C-alpha atoms as a PDB file:
ATOM      1  CA  MET A   1      20.096 -37.281 -31.648  1.00  0.00           C
ATOM      2  CA  LEU A   2      16.470 -37.325 -30.795  1.00  0.00           C
ATOM      3  CA  LYS A   3      16.417 -38.849 -27.655  1.00  0.00           C
ATOM      4  CA  HIS A   4      18.543 -35.560 -26.329  1.00  0.00           C
ATOM      5  CA  TYR A   5      15.861 -33.357 -27.548  1.00  0.00           C
ATOM      6  CA  TYR A   6      13.122 -35.058 -25.949  1.00  0.00           C
ATOM      7  CA  ARG A   7      15.090 -35.156 -22.812  1.00  0.00           C
ATOM      8  CA  LEU A   8      15.474 -31.710 -22.947  1.00  0.00           C
ATOM      9  CA  VAL A   9      12.340 -31.019 -23.840  1.00  0.00           C
ATOM     10  CA  TYR A  10      11.370 -32.723 -20.889  1.00  0.00           C
ATOM     11  CA  TRP A  11      12.891 -30.970 -18.307  1.00  0.00           C
ATOM     12  CA  LYS A  12      12.324 -27.611 -19.507  1.00  0.00           C
ATOM     13  CA  ARG A  13       8.484 -28.349 -19.035  1.00  0.00           C
ATOM     14  CA  ARG A  14       9.207 -29.603 -15.728  1.00  0.00           C
ATOM     15  CA  ILE A  15      11.278 -26.612 -14.740  1.00  0.00           C
ATOM     16  CA  GLY A  16       8.393 -24.385 -16.048  1.00  0.00           C
ATOM     17  CA  ARG A  17       5.804 -25.966 -14.404  1.00  0.00           C
ATOM     18  CA  ALA A  18       7.840 -25.725 -11.192  1.00  0.00           C
ATOM     19  CA  LEU A  19       8.189 -22.050 -11.454  1.00  0.00           C
ATOM     20  CA  GLY A  20       4.315 -21.711 -12.419  1.00  0.00           C
ATOM     21  CA  SER A  21       5.125 -20.417 -16.205  1.00  0.00           C
ATOM     22  CA  GLY A  22       3.435 -22.062 -18.836  1.00  0.00           C
ATOM     23  CA  ARG A  23      -0.226 -23.115 -19.738  1.00  0.00           C
ATOM     24  CA  ARG A  24      -0.360 -26.531 -17.224  1.00  0.00           C
ATOM     25  CA  GLY A  25       1.981 -24.959 -14.514  1.00  0.00           C
ATOM     26  CA  PRO A  26       0.559 -24.730 -11.029  1.00  0.00           C
ATOM     27  CA  ARG A  27      -1.247 -21.493 -10.148  1.00  0.00           C
ATOM     28  CA  ARG A  28      -0.611 -19.749  -7.084  1.00  0.00           C
ATOM     29  CA  HIS A  29      -3.586 -17.049  -7.140  1.00  0.00           C
ATOM     30  CA  ARG A  30      -3.336 -14.602  -4.018  1.00  0.00           C
ATOM     31  CA  PRO A  31      -6.773 -14.472  -2.467  1.00  0.00           C
ATOM     32  CA  ARG A  32      -8.180 -11.235  -2.377  1.00  0.00           C
ATOM     33  CA  LEU A  33      -9.132  -9.133   0.434  1.00  0.00           C
ATOM     34  CA  ALA A  34     -12.916  -8.504   0.139  1.00  0.00           C
ATOM     35  CA  PRO A  35     -13.080  -7.600  -3.221  1.00  0.00           C
ATOM     36  CA  HIS A  36     -16.598  -6.041  -2.661  1.00  0.00           C
ATOM     37  CA  LEU A  37     -14.679  -3.626  -0.543  1.00  0.00           C
ATOM     38  CA  GLN A  38     -11.874  -2.615  -2.744  1.00  0.00           C
ATOM     39  CA  PRO A  39     -13.350   0.652  -3.915  1.00  0.00           C
ATOM     40  CA  PHE A  40     -13.785   1.708  -0.169  1.00  0.00           C
ATOM     41  CA  LEU A  41     -10.701   0.648   0.667  1.00  0.00           C
ATOM     42  CA  VAL A  42      -8.738   2.625  -2.399  1.00  0.00           C
ATOM     43  CA  PHE A  43     -11.185   5.678  -1.480  1.00  0.00           C
ATOM     44  CA  GLY A  44     -10.090   5.368   2.415  1.00  0.00           C
ATOM     45  CA  ALA A  45      -6.600   5.287   1.368  1.00  0.00           C
ATOM     46  CA  LEU A  46      -6.699   8.750  -0.669  1.00  0.00           C
ATOM     47  CA  VAL A  47      -8.125  10.385   2.205  1.00  0.00           C
ATOM     48  CA  ALA A  48      -5.659   9.354   4.800  1.00  0.00           C
ATOM     49  CA  ILE A  49      -2.962  10.119   2.003  1.00  0.00           C
ATOM     50  CA  ALA A  50      -4.667  13.709   1.906  1.00  0.00           C
ATOM     51  CA  VAL A  51      -5.303  14.146   5.661  1.00  0.00           C
ATOM     52  CA  ALA A  52      -1.696  13.316   6.222  1.00  0.00           C
ATOM     53  CA  ALA A  53      -0.282  15.761   3.736  1.00  0.00           C
ATOM     54  CA  SER A  54      -2.743  18.434   5.034  1.00  0.00           C
ATOM     55  CA  ALA A  55      -1.426  17.726   8.794  1.00  0.00           C
ATOM     56  CA  LEU A  56       2.331  17.797   7.423  1.00  0.00           C
ATOM     57  CA  ALA A  57       1.953  20.979   5.574  1.00  0.00           C
ATOM     58  CA  GLY A  58      -0.106  22.852   8.337  1.00  0.00           C
ATOM     59  CA  ALA A  59       2.108  21.542  11.295  1.00  0.00           C
ATOM     60  CA  GLY A  60       4.105  24.730  11.330  1.00  0.00           C
ATOM     61  CA  TYR A  61       0.915  26.836  11.918  1.00  0.00           C
ATOM     62  CA  ASP A  62      -1.199  27.939  14.646  1.00  0.00           C
ATOM     63  CA  ASP A  63      -4.924  28.120  14.971  1.00  0.00           C
ATOM     64  CA  PHE A  64      -4.905  31.574  13.172  1.00  0.00           C
ATOM     65  CA  GLY A  65      -2.931  30.748  10.646  1.00  0.00           C
ATOM     66  CA  TRP A  66       0.426  32.482  11.783  1.00  0.00           C
ATOM     67  CA  ALA A  67       3.763  30.466  11.162  1.00  0.00           C
ATOM     68  CA  ARG A  68       5.288  29.728  14.361  1.00  0.00           C
ATOM     69  CA  PRO A  69       8.894  31.337  15.172  1.00  0.00           C
END
């Protein structure tokens, strides 16, 4: 019976390592894209969203603020 337990533990560890879970599994870290530029990228994304929302909201108006028919 002990042999079956050890076999189960072996396969659990092997599957865990293959899937990346566990303490000693393969580590698949995604390289970060310029970490020192991350605050500027976030700020740029927020500004782009604000500009796009403003353009969509103001699309129905002319230069003087009057709604088009």
